[in-house]
Amino acid sequence: MNGATLTAAAIFLLAVFAVSGCSQVGVVPGEPTSAAANPGESANAKADVRQTDEAGRPLPFTTVFPRRWSNGNDGTTYEPCTAADTTTLRAAGLDPRSARDAAIADHQTARGCRWSYTGSTSHSLTQIVGNNGPLHEYKLKKSTSFVWRPDTSINMRLVAVGSVHELGECTAMVDSGRAIVFTRMSAYSDPPPIDEICDKAIAFTRATIDQMPE
């Protein structure tokens, strides 16, 4: 991942989750691996970190964050990193092997995955959950953070859609329990029309929404 991509990802996470008071509480970047002076201790700590979702399905990567699941994202049991299988990812044009943890620090609100589009290093899709609901209140708090497009409905569930044109991003959002599931398509260079970007975010939401508890 290049510096521009990392910066844009960080901006997105901060923008989406700034309304949560615990989004960065207790964040100590590097804390999970700070025992480098004692490799044995570090290896033991890593082995104790949870690596599966609620159903016991393994994450597509090894997380080093002990508090990846936290009181900032426990409002739903939905786990974006295991919800979409290889067939679903490929149908969306995503490379299943590119799965990366959306979290960039321990104990942050965002819990989910980022995938690259096949053949592209600058276009990606991120799906994350955080205890930012309910959706109608979130939209009021973030009234100026997005260009809010007309709400849509998928399987009789309200889906809000917000875009950030200057970043080539569009996010589809749906309530799940006490949390919101955010699905964002990003094009950091050579972006297609914003309508196409939003369509991809909505389409991936549609492909996974049946697994999101209401």
Foldseek 3Di string as FASTA:
>chain_A
DDPVVVVVLVVVQCLLCVVDPQQCPPWDACVLPPVVVDVVVSVVSQVPADQAAPVRHGFLDRDSANQLPDPFFVQWSDEARPQDDPVLQVVLQWDNNQWDFSDRTHRGFWGYTKTAGPPDPQKIKTKTKTLPDDPVVSCVVCVPVFPWDDWDAAPNFIWTKGHDVVFLKIWIWGDARSMIIIMMITGRPPHDPSVVRRVSNVVSCNVRVVVGHD
